[in-house]
Amino acid sequence: MAYIKIFPIKVTDKKALDYITNPDKTDEKLLVSSFGCSPETADLEFALTRETAKNNGMDKGDNLAFHLIQSFKPGEVDAETAHRLGQQFADEVLKGKYEYVISTHVDKDHIHNHIIFNAASFVTNHKYVSNKRSYHKICRISNRICQENGLATSMPTGEKGKSYKENMEYHRGTSWKAKLRVSIDKAIWSSINYEEFLQQMQLAGYEIRQGKNLSFRAPEQKNFTYMKSLGSYYTEENVRLRLEKNRYKTKSPKNLSREARLYINISTYVTTGNREGFERWAKLNNLKEAAKTFNYLSENNLLNYEDFQQHISDVENSIKAADQRIQEISTELTTQKVIQKHCDSYRLCRKVIEDAKSAPNPTAYRSRHQAEYQLHDSLKKELQDLGITKIPSSEKIQKRIDNLESEQATTIREKQELQKKQKILNVIQQNFSSLLDFSHLSSHEYAHTL
């Protein structure tokens, strides 16, 4: 279980940063990490980013930074695990847009993380907005990470829901309402009229009470549950409407979608070479959609089950590859934007150092600009750690970022198109047994059955 608190820093972020990186609390700073900055010069780098934001007209509000605390129950996690989860938490909350320093304190019974992040984004120059909505979003992220790592979840998410008792019962699978919804859905799926639906509910073990409002009671349940209390989808009127739709399913293969019908019809015309049959069918249906599907099946040669299954596999693999590439681009974009920030700051510090050559009193000049000298050395090391030994031009870095963003947008569009195709293929796959059952029919027999 991770308990979350967040509050703004308005006066000085250096004192807060010094506190959270205290060697006595962080195992001699072994449990200190950062993103987009060095822990030793974070306050200076934060200030440069805020100055840039101010120059771009984005510096709204008086917050310098935010202090986020993530506390775990005593004995729940070890220090290394807590630090790793804290980094994951910070990365997901801040999305690579804000510099931050994270430390894990082990000086108390309960291990806890301190995350201090800049109020201004070095990517967008916008200030971070902290309110009830953003807090609930942070809590949702924390709860999910805890759940994924076998820890209890406890933070409020702002989502409306069931009562505490019903919510606990629901997650244990013992909620009477949750079970009743499932039973009603199963009964509706296997019935074509109201009387048959009631019979199915009785066979499922429910006691039925009819009157002004239909209600059910499961074995060992104390009170009846009204249908109307399950939601609008389960009112008696909507149940009858759902049953009415089931009557039409008896006239065609069960659960056969429009896309599957299209596949069955046209694949028959393709396999038999019956172009005239296709043209007659197309006149009675959506000509544009029929032609598109006919061309798709012909061009991809999807005329048997094996080819169709391979096609589905190819689409799935393409989506996975696109996902992987999107993640790779996102990681590289984050790195390039950090490099861009460091290079811009390094140039500013470098200019200050070079101006020392013409200063009347170099010693006094260096004393006045001690922060810039310190930051210069820190940035140089950070860039070296990123593999940068020669400072690239601003234009070269920006071009690299633009190319990555363009590739990312293109890959996302490709993935979306693949997902649309996958959606259609999944519907067809679910009903492929129907396709095989009907594949021996002639186009005349298909027209008759439809």
Protein backbone atom coordinates (compact mmCIF):
# COMPACT_ATOMS: atom_id res chain seq x y z
CA MET A 1 0.00 0.00 0.00
CA ALA A 2 1.39 3.42 -0.96
CA TYR A 3 0.07 6.57 0.69
CA ILE A 4 0.40 9.70 -1.47
CA LYS A 5 0.77 13.36 -0.49
CA ILE A 6 1.65 16.34 -2.68
CA PHE A 7 2.20 19.99 -1.83
CA PRO A 8 3.79 22.99 -3.58
CA ILE A 9 7.15 24.60 -2.82
CA LYS A 10 6.88 28.37 -3.01
CA VAL A 11 9.92 29.82 -1.23
CA THR A 12 13.05 27.75 -1.86
CA ASP A 13 13.46 24.42 -3.60
CA LYS A 14 17.14 24.11 -2.64
CA LYS A 15 16.39 23.49 1.05
CA ALA A 16 13.81 20.86 0.13
CA LEU A 17 16.24 19.18 -2.27
CA ASP A 18 18.99 19.21 0.36
CA TYR A 19 16.60 17.63 2.85
CA ILE A 20 15.46 14.75 0.64
CA THR A 21 19.04 13.93 -0.49
CA ASN A 22 20.43 13.86 3.06
CA PRO A 23 23.02 11.03 3.11
CA ASP A 24 21.89 9.91 6.59
CA LYS A 25 18.40 9.23 5.27
CA THR A 26 19.28 7.76 1.85
CA ASP A 27 21.98 5.18 2.61
CA GLU A 28 24.77 7.64 1.77
CA LYS A 29 22.86 8.84 -1.32
CA LEU A 30 22.76 5.37 -2.86
CA LEU A 31 18.96 5.77 -2.92
CA VAL A 32 18.98 9.08 -4.84
CA SER A 33 18.17 9.33 -8.55
CA SER A 34 17.04 12.03 -10.95
CA PHE A 35 15.61 12.71 -14.37
CA GLY A 36 16.55 15.63 -16.61
CA CYS A 37 18.92 17.09 -14.05
CA SER A 38 21.69 16.28 -11.60
CA PRO A 39 20.72 15.96 -7.91
CA GLU A 40 23.62 18.25 -6.99
CA THR A 41 22.53 21.11 -9.28
CA ALA A 42 18.79 20.43 -9.58
CA ASP A 43 17.79 23.78 -8.05
CA LEU A 44 19.89 25.66 -10.63
CA GLU A 45 18.51 23.61 -13.51
CA PHE A 46 14.96 24.08 -12.22
CA ALA A 47 15.57 27.83 -12.16
CA LEU A 48 16.86 27.91 -15.75
CA THR A 49 13.80 25.99 -16.95
CA ARG A 50 11.46 28.37 -15.10
CA GLU A 51 13.30 31.34 -16.61
CA THR A 52 12.82 29.88 -20.09
CA ALA A 53 9.13 29.35 -19.36
CA LYS A 54 8.87 32.94 -18.14
CA ASN A 55 10.52 34.25 -21.30
CA ASN A 56 7.96 32.30 -23.33
CA GLY A 57 5.07 33.79 -21.40
CA MET A 58 4.21 30.51 -19.67
CA ASP A 59 5.34 31.31 -16.13
CA LYS A 60 2.00 31.49 -14.33
CA GLY A 61 1.70 31.15 -10.57
CA ASP A 62 4.32 31.37 -7.83
CA ASN A 63 5.08 27.66 -7.37
CA LEU A 64 8.77 26.79 -7.78
CA ALA A 65 8.36 23.03 -7.53
CA PHE A 66 6.18 20.29 -6.08
CA HIS A 67 7.00 17.81 -3.33
CA LEU A 68 5.43 14.39 -3.77
CA ILE A 69 5.67 11.82 -0.96
CA GLN A 70 5.00 8.11 -1.48
CA SER A 71 4.89 6.11 1.78
CA PHE A 72 4.74 2.32 2.18
CA LYS A 73 3.56 0.21 5.12
CA PRO A 74 6.32 -1.01 7.46
CA GLY A 75 7.84 -4.23 6.12
CA GLU A 76 5.86 -4.07 2.86
CA VAL A 77 8.82 -3.41 0.52
CA ASP A 78 12.58 -3.19 0.74
CA ALA A 79 14.43 0.04 -0.04
CA GLU A 80 15.54 -0.94 -3.55
CA THR A 81 12.03 -2.02 -4.54
CA ALA A 82 10.52 1.16 -3.10
CA HIS A 83 13.01 3.26 -5.07
CA ARG A 84 12.28 1.37 -8.30
CA LEU A 85 8.51 1.73 -7.85
CA GLY A 86 8.99 5.41 -7.03
CA GLN A 87 10.88 5.99 -10.28
CA GLN A 88 8.17 4.19 -12.25
CA PHE A 89 5.54 6.27 -10.45
CA ALA A 90 7.36 9.56 -11.15
CA ASP A 91 7.94 8.66 -14.81
CA GLU A 92 4.27 7.85 -15.39
CA VAL A 93 3.00 10.93 -13.57
CA LEU A 94 5.41 13.42 -15.17
CA LYS A 95 5.67 11.78 -18.63
CA GLY A 96 9.23 12.92 -19.24
CA LYS A 97 8.24 16.60 -19.23
CA TYR A 98 9.49 17.76 -15.83
CA GLU A 99 12.89 17.47 -14.17
CA TYR A 100 12.76 15.61 -10.89
CA VAL A 101 14.88 14.23 -8.06
CA ILE A 102 13.75 11.15 -6.18
CA SER A 103 15.13 9.80 -2.91
CA THR A 104 14.14 6.86 -0.74
CA HIS A 105 14.34 7.47 3.01
CA VAL A 106 15.14 4.51 5.25
CA ASP A 107 15.58 6.31 8.56
CA LYS A 108 12.09 5.44 9.82
CA ASP A 109 10.04 2.27 10.25
CA HIS A 110 8.12 2.94 7.05
CA ILE A 111 10.15 3.30 3.86
CA HIS A 112 9.04 6.30 1.82
CA ASN A 113 9.99 8.14 -1.36
CA HIS A 114 10.39 11.89 -1.76
CA ILE A 115 9.97 13.23 -5.30
CA ILE A 116 10.62 16.90 -5.97
CA PHE A 117 9.83 18.01 -9.50
CA ASN A 118 10.03 21.37 -11.23
CA ALA A 119 6.82 23.35 -11.50
CA ALA A 120 7.69 24.25 -15.12
CA SER A 121 8.07 21.75 -17.95
CA PHE A 122 11.28 21.88 -19.95
CA VAL A 123 9.35 20.38 -22.91
CA THR A 124 6.24 22.59 -23.07
CA ASN A 125 7.22 25.48 -20.73
CA HIS A 126 3.80 25.12 -19.10
CA LYS A 127 3.41 25.05 -15.33
CA TYR A 128 2.15 21.89 -13.61
CA VAL A 129 -1.45 22.21 -12.43
CA SER A 130 -2.10 20.59 -9.06
CA ASN A 131 -5.75 20.20 -8.12
CA LYS A 132 -8.24 17.57 -6.99
CA ARG A 133 -8.50 16.10 -10.47
CA SER A 134 -4.73 15.76 -10.96
CA TYR A 135 -4.40 14.33 -7.44
CA HIS A 136 -6.94 11.60 -8.20
CA LYS A 137 -5.07 10.84 -11.42
CA ILE A 138 -1.84 10.46 -9.43
CA CYS A 139 -3.64 8.15 -7.01
CA ARG A 140 -4.97 5.99 -9.86
CA ILE A 141 -1.42 5.57 -11.19
CA SER A 142 -0.14 4.69 -7.72
CA ASN A 143 -2.94 2.17 -7.14
CA ARG A 144 -2.27 0.47 -10.47
CA ILE A 145 1.49 0.20 -9.84
CA CYS A 146 0.80 -1.20 -6.37
CA GLN A 147 -1.65 -3.72 -7.79
CA GLU A 148 0.79 -4.82 -10.50
CA ASN A 149 3.41 -5.45 -7.82
CA GLY A 150 1.20 -7.34 -5.38
CA LEU A 151 0.69 -4.44 -2.97
CA ALA A 152 -2.62 -3.26 -1.54
CA THR A 153 -4.33 -0.22 -3.08
CA SER A 154 -5.84 2.43 -0.87
CA MET A 155 -5.78 5.89 -2.43
CA PRO A 156 -8.99 7.66 -3.56
CA THR A 157 -9.46 7.91 -7.32
CA GLY A 158 -12.44 10.25 -7.54
CA GLU A 159 -14.51 7.63 -9.35
CA LYS A 160 -18.14 7.12 -8.33
CA GLY A 161 -18.90 3.56 -7.39
CA LYS A 162 -20.62 1.09 -5.18
CA SER A 163 -20.84 1.20 -1.42
CA TYR A 164 -17.74 0.00 0.41
CA LYS A 165 -19.43 -3.29 1.38
CA GLU A 166 -20.71 -3.95 -2.13
CA ASN A 167 -17.38 -2.99 -3.68
CA MET A 168 -15.53 -5.50 -1.48
CA GLU A 169 -18.10 -8.18 -2.24
CA TYR A 170 -17.86 -7.42 -5.96
CA HIS A 171 -14.08 -7.88 -5.99
CA ARG A 172 -14.47 -11.14 -4.04
CA GLY A 173 -17.06 -12.28 -6.58
CA THR A 174 -19.85 -12.53 -4.02
CA SER A 175 -21.99 -9.54 -4.90
CA TRP A 176 -25.58 -10.67 -5.45
CA LYS A 177 -26.09 -7.97 -8.06
CA ALA A 178 -22.92 -8.84 -9.96
CA LYS A 179 -23.90 -12.52 -10.06
CA LEU A 180 -27.48 -11.68 -11.07
CA ARG A 181 -26.32 -9.55 -14.01
CA VAL A 182 -24.20 -12.43 -15.31
CA SER A 183 -27.08 -14.90 -14.91
CA ILE A 184 -29.53 -12.58 -16.68
CA ASP A 185 -27.14 -12.06 -19.59
CA LYS A 186 -26.65 -15.82 -20.00
CA ALA A 187 -30.40 -16.43 -19.85
CA ILE A 188 -31.09 -13.75 -22.46
CA TRP A 189 -28.42 -15.07 -24.82
CA SER A 190 -29.98 -18.54 -24.76
CA SER A 191 -33.64 -17.44 -25.04
CA ILE A 192 -35.86 -15.99 -27.76
CA ASN A 193 -38.92 -14.99 -25.70
CA TYR A 194 -39.78 -13.79 -22.21
CA GLU A 195 -41.22 -17.08 -20.99
CA GLU A 196 -38.11 -18.99 -22.04
CA PHE A 197 -35.97 -16.35 -20.29
CA LEU A 198 -37.84 -16.89 -17.00
CA GLN A 199 -37.44 -20.66 -17.38
CA GLN A 200 -33.69 -20.25 -17.84
CA MET A 201 -33.50 -18.12 -14.68
CA GLN A 202 -35.35 -20.82 -12.75
CA LEU A 203 -32.96 -23.46 -14.07
CA ALA A 204 -30.08 -21.25 -12.85
CA GLY A 205 -31.56 -21.59 -9.34
CA TYR A 206 -33.26 -18.20 -8.96
CA GLU A 207 -36.60 -17.69 -7.23
CA ILE A 208 -38.77 -15.34 -9.28
CA ARG A 209 -41.26 -12.81 -7.98
CA GLN A 210 -43.45 -11.16 -10.61
CA GLY A 211 -45.64 -8.18 -9.99
CA LYS A 212 -45.25 -4.47 -10.58
CA ASN A 213 -41.48 -5.01 -10.65
CA LEU A 214 -39.73 -8.25 -11.56
CA SER A 215 -37.26 -9.46 -8.93
CA PHE A 216 -35.02 -12.47 -8.30
CA ARG A 217 -33.53 -14.17 -5.26
CA ALA A 218 -30.60 -16.55 -5.39
CA PRO A 219 -30.26 -19.55 -3.07
CA GLU A 220 -29.06 -18.39 0.39
CA GLN A 221 -29.84 -14.76 -0.52
CA LYS A 222 -31.94 -13.08 2.16
CA ASN A 223 -33.82 -10.48 0.10
CA PHE A 224 -35.08 -10.27 -3.49
CA THR A 225 -33.19 -8.03 -5.93
CA TYR A 226 -35.26 -5.84 -8.23
CA MET A 227 -34.30 -5.91 -11.92
CA LYS A 228 -34.54 -2.13 -12.12
CA SER A 229 -31.86 -1.79 -9.43
CA LEU A 230 -29.29 -3.35 -11.79
CA GLY A 231 -29.26 -0.38 -14.19
CA SER A 232 -31.15 0.73 -17.28
CA TYR A 233 -29.72 -2.11 -19.40
CA TYR A 234 -31.56 -4.60 -17.17
CA THR A 235 -35.01 -3.06 -16.99
CA GLU A 236 -37.84 -5.38 -18.02
CA GLU A 237 -38.42 -3.27 -21.14
CA ASN A 238 -34.80 -3.58 -22.28
CA VAL A 239 -34.72 -7.30 -21.51
CA ARG A 240 -37.74 -7.78 -23.82
CA LEU A 241 -36.00 -5.71 -26.52
CA ARG A 242 -32.87 -7.83 -26.23
CA LEU A 243 -34.96 -10.99 -26.50
CA GLU A 244 -36.72 -9.60 -29.58
CA LYS A 245 -33.35 -9.21 -31.29
CA ASN A 246 -32.56 -12.85 -30.51
CA ARG A 247 -35.51 -13.95 -32.67
CA TYR A 248 -33.74 -12.67 -35.74
CA LYS A 249 -30.60 -14.63 -34.84
CA THR A 250 -32.50 -17.90 -35.34
CA LYS A 251 -32.88 -17.07 -39.03
CA SER A 252 -29.13 -16.87 -39.58
CA PRO A 253 -25.95 -18.28 -38.02
CA LYS A 254 -25.80 -17.31 -34.35
CA ASN A 255 -24.09 -14.00 -33.57
CA LEU A 256 -23.21 -13.47 -37.23
CA SER A 257 -22.27 -9.83 -37.75
CA ARG A 258 -22.76 -7.76 -40.89
CA GLU A 259 -19.04 -7.99 -41.63
CA ALA A 260 -19.19 -11.78 -41.35
CA ARG A 261 -22.22 -11.94 -43.69
CA LEU A 262 -20.29 -9.86 -46.18
CA TYR A 263 -17.35 -12.22 -45.94
CA ILE A 264 -19.52 -15.32 -46.41
CA ASN A 265 -21.32 -13.95 -49.45
CA ILE A 266 -18.40 -12.50 -51.29
CA SER A 267 -15.91 -15.25 -50.47
CA THR A 268 -18.39 -17.66 -52.07
CA TYR A 269 -18.49 -15.58 -55.24
CA VAL A 270 -14.69 -15.30 -55.24
CA THR A 271 -14.07 -19.03 -54.77
CA THR A 272 -16.63 -20.03 -57.43
CA GLY A 273 -15.55 -17.30 -59.84
CA ASN A 274 -19.20 -16.25 -60.07
CA ARG A 275 -18.71 -12.63 -61.10
CA GLU A 276 -22.32 -12.32 -62.28
CA GLY A 277 -23.55 -13.56 -58.91
CA PHE A 278 -21.37 -10.98 -57.17
CA GLU A 279 -22.71 -8.18 -59.36
CA ARG A 280 -26.31 -9.22 -58.66
CA TRP A 281 -25.56 -9.41 -54.94
CA ALA A 282 -23.82 -6.02 -54.97
CA LYS A 283 -26.88 -4.36 -56.51
CA LEU A 284 -28.95 -5.54 -53.57
CA ASN A 285 -26.38 -4.43 -50.99
CA ASN A 286 -23.92 -1.64 -50.35
CA LEU A 287 -22.05 -1.58 -53.66
CA LYS A 288 -19.11 0.42 -52.34
CA GLU A 289 -18.59 -1.79 -49.30
CA ALA A 290 -19.11 -4.97 -51.30
CA ALA A 291 -16.56 -3.94 -53.91
CA LYS A 292 -14.05 -2.96 -51.24
CA THR A 293 -14.42 -6.29 -49.47
CA PHE A 294 -14.27 -8.24 -52.74
CA ASN A 295 -11.04 -6.48 -53.65
CA TYR A 296 -9.61 -7.03 -50.17
CA LEU A 297 -10.26 -10.77 -50.27
CA SER A 298 -8.98 -11.09 -53.82
CA GLU A 299 -5.82 -9.03 -53.31
CA ASN A 300 -4.95 -10.79 -50.04
CA ASN A 301 -5.99 -14.19 -51.41
CA LEU A 302 -7.98 -14.94 -48.24
CA LEU A 303 -9.93 -17.84 -49.68
CA ASN A 304 -9.30 -20.55 -47.09
CA TYR A 305 -9.03 -20.89 -43.33
CA GLU A 306 -5.24 -21.30 -43.20
CA ASP A 307 -4.62 -18.16 -45.24
CA PHE A 308 -7.12 -16.25 -43.14
CA GLN A 309 -5.48 -17.33 -39.87
CA GLN A 310 -2.04 -16.38 -41.18
CA HIS A 311 -3.38 -12.98 -42.19
CA ILE A 312 -4.72 -12.42 -38.67
CA SER A 313 -1.34 -13.41 -37.23
CA ASP A 314 0.45 -11.01 -39.58
CA VAL A 315 -1.80 -8.12 -38.52
CA GLU A 316 -1.25 -8.93 -34.83
CA ASN A 317 2.52 -9.04 -35.29
CA SER A 318 2.43 -5.75 -37.19
CA ILE A 319 0.54 -4.10 -34.33
CA LYS A 320 3.09 -5.44 -31.82
CA ALA A 321 5.93 -4.14 -33.99
CA ALA A 322 4.24 -0.74 -34.25
CA ASP A 323 3.75 -0.66 -30.48
CA GLN A 324 7.39 -1.48 -29.91
CA ARG A 325 8.52 1.19 -32.37
CA ILE A 326 6.24 3.81 -30.77
CA GLN A 327 7.78 3.01 -27.39
CA GLU A 328 11.30 3.20 -28.83
CA ILE A 329 10.55 6.56 -30.45
CA SER A 330 8.97 7.87 -27.23
CA THR A 331 12.08 6.89 -25.26
CA GLU A 332 14.39 8.46 -27.84
CA LEU A 333 12.27 11.63 -27.94
CA THR A 334 12.54 11.98 -24.17
CA THR A 335 16.31 11.53 -24.39
CA GLN A 336 16.66 14.07 -27.20
CA LYS A 337 14.58 16.65 -25.32
CA VAL A 338 16.74 16.19 -22.24
CA ILE A 339 19.84 16.62 -24.44
CA GLN A 340 18.30 19.74 -25.98
CA LYS A 341 17.64 21.21 -22.53
CA HIS A 342 21.14 20.39 -21.31
CA CYS A 343 22.77 21.82 -24.44
CA ASP A 344 20.82 25.08 -24.20
CA SER A 345 21.77 25.44 -20.53
CA TYR A 346 25.38 24.47 -21.24
CA ARG A 347 25.70 27.19 -23.90
CA LEU A 348 24.46 29.80 -21.44
CA CYS A 349 26.94 28.68 -18.79
CA ARG A 350 29.72 28.45 -21.36
CA LYS A 351 29.14 32.04 -22.42
CA VAL A 352 29.41 33.19 -18.80
CA ILE A 353 32.72 31.35 -18.45
CA GLU A 354 34.09 32.74 -21.71
CA ASP A 355 33.16 36.28 -20.66
CA ALA A 356 35.47 35.84 -17.69
CA LYS A 357 38.39 36.35 -20.05
CA SER A 358 37.47 39.99 -20.53
CA ALA A 359 36.46 40.65 -16.91
CA PRO A 360 38.57 43.29 -15.04
CA ASN A 361 38.79 41.04 -11.99
CA PRO A 362 38.48 37.34 -13.00
CA THR A 363 38.51 36.13 -9.39
CA ALA A 364 35.65 38.39 -8.33
CA TYR A 365 33.79 37.54 -11.57
CA ARG A 366 34.05 33.80 -10.85
CA SER A 367 32.87 34.36 -7.29
CA ARG A 368 29.76 36.18 -8.57
CA HIS A 369 29.05 33.44 -11.11
CA GLN A 370 29.86 30.42 -8.97
CA ALA A 371 26.48 28.85 -9.73
CA GLU A 372 27.09 28.99 -13.49
CA TYR A 373 30.55 27.42 -13.08
CA GLN A 374 29.10 24.64 -10.96
CA LEU A 375 26.25 24.07 -13.38
CA HIS A 376 28.64 24.07 -16.35
CA ASP A 377 30.64 21.18 -14.89
CA SER A 378 27.49 19.29 -13.92
CA LEU A 379 25.91 19.67 -17.37
CA LYS A 380 29.13 18.60 -19.07
CA LYS A 381 29.11 15.35 -17.07
CA GLU A 382 25.38 14.76 -17.71
CA LEU A 383 25.90 15.20 -21.46
CA GLN A 384 28.85 12.83 -21.41
CA ASP A 385 26.68 10.26 -19.63
CA LEU A 386 24.23 10.64 -22.52
CA GLY A 387 27.03 10.01 -25.03
CA ILE A 388 27.45 13.66 -26.06
CA THR A 389 31.10 14.74 -26.24
CA LYS A 390 30.66 17.48 -28.84
CA ILE A 391 27.77 19.92 -28.38
CA PRO A 392 25.48 19.68 -31.44
CA SER A 393 23.85 22.78 -32.88
CA SER A 394 20.35 23.74 -31.79
CA GLU A 395 19.16 23.24 -35.36
CA LYS A 396 20.55 19.69 -35.52
CA ILE A 397 18.87 18.66 -32.27
CA GLN A 398 15.55 20.23 -33.27
CA LYS A 399 15.66 18.51 -36.65
CA ARG A 400 16.21 15.19 -34.92
CA ILE A 401 13.25 15.85 -32.61
CA ASP A 402 11.03 16.91 -35.54
CA ASN A 403 11.92 13.75 -37.46
CA LEU A 404 11.17 11.56 -34.45
CA GLU A 405 7.83 13.28 -33.83
CA SER A 406 6.92 12.87 -37.50
CA GLU A 407 7.83 9.17 -37.43
CA GLN A 408 5.91 8.74 -34.19
CA ALA A 409 2.76 10.32 -35.67
CA THR A 410 3.07 8.15 -38.80
CA THR A 411 3.56 4.98 -36.77
CA ILE A 412 0.58 5.80 -34.55
CA ARG A 413 -1.60 6.29 -37.65
CA GLU A 414 -0.35 2.97 -39.06
CA LYS A 415 -1.17 1.25 -35.79
CA GLN A 416 -4.67 2.76 -35.77
CA GLU A 417 -5.29 1.50 -39.32
CA LEU A 418 -4.04 -1.95 -38.34
CA GLN A 419 -6.33 -1.94 -35.30
CA LYS A 420 -9.32 -1.10 -37.53
CA LYS A 421 -8.40 -4.02 -39.76
CA GLN A 422 -7.91 -6.24 -36.72
CA LYS A 423 -11.34 -5.34 -35.41
CA ILE A 424 -12.99 -6.50 -38.64
CA LEU A 425 -10.83 -9.62 -38.81
CA ASN A 426 -11.67 -10.50 -35.20
CA VAL A 427 -15.39 -10.35 -35.96
CA ILE A 428 -14.88 -12.60 -38.98
CA GLN A 429 -12.68 -14.97 -36.98
CA GLN A 430 -15.32 -15.38 -34.28
CA ASN A 431 -17.80 -16.46 -36.92
CA PHE A 432 -15.44 -18.43 -39.16
CA SER A 433 -17.07 -21.72 -38.25
CA SER A 434 -20.27 -20.33 -39.77
CA LEU A 435 -18.31 -19.38 -42.87
CA LEU A 436 -17.02 -22.95 -43.25
CA ASP A 437 -20.50 -24.41 -42.69
CA PHE A 438 -21.93 -22.29 -45.47
CA SER A 439 -18.97 -22.29 -47.88
CA HIS A 440 -20.41 -25.23 -49.88
CA LEU A 441 -23.62 -23.35 -50.70
CA SER A 442 -24.12 -21.77 -54.08
CA SER A 443 -24.68 -18.08 -54.50
CA HIS A 444 -28.35 -18.81 -55.24
CA GLU A 445 -28.75 -20.72 -51.95
CA TYR A 446 -27.08 -17.85 -50.07
CA ALA A 447 -29.44 -15.33 -51.59
CA HIS A 448 -32.36 -17.55 -50.59
CA THR A 449 -31.28 -17.96 -46.96
CA LEU A 450 -30.62 -14.25 -46.56
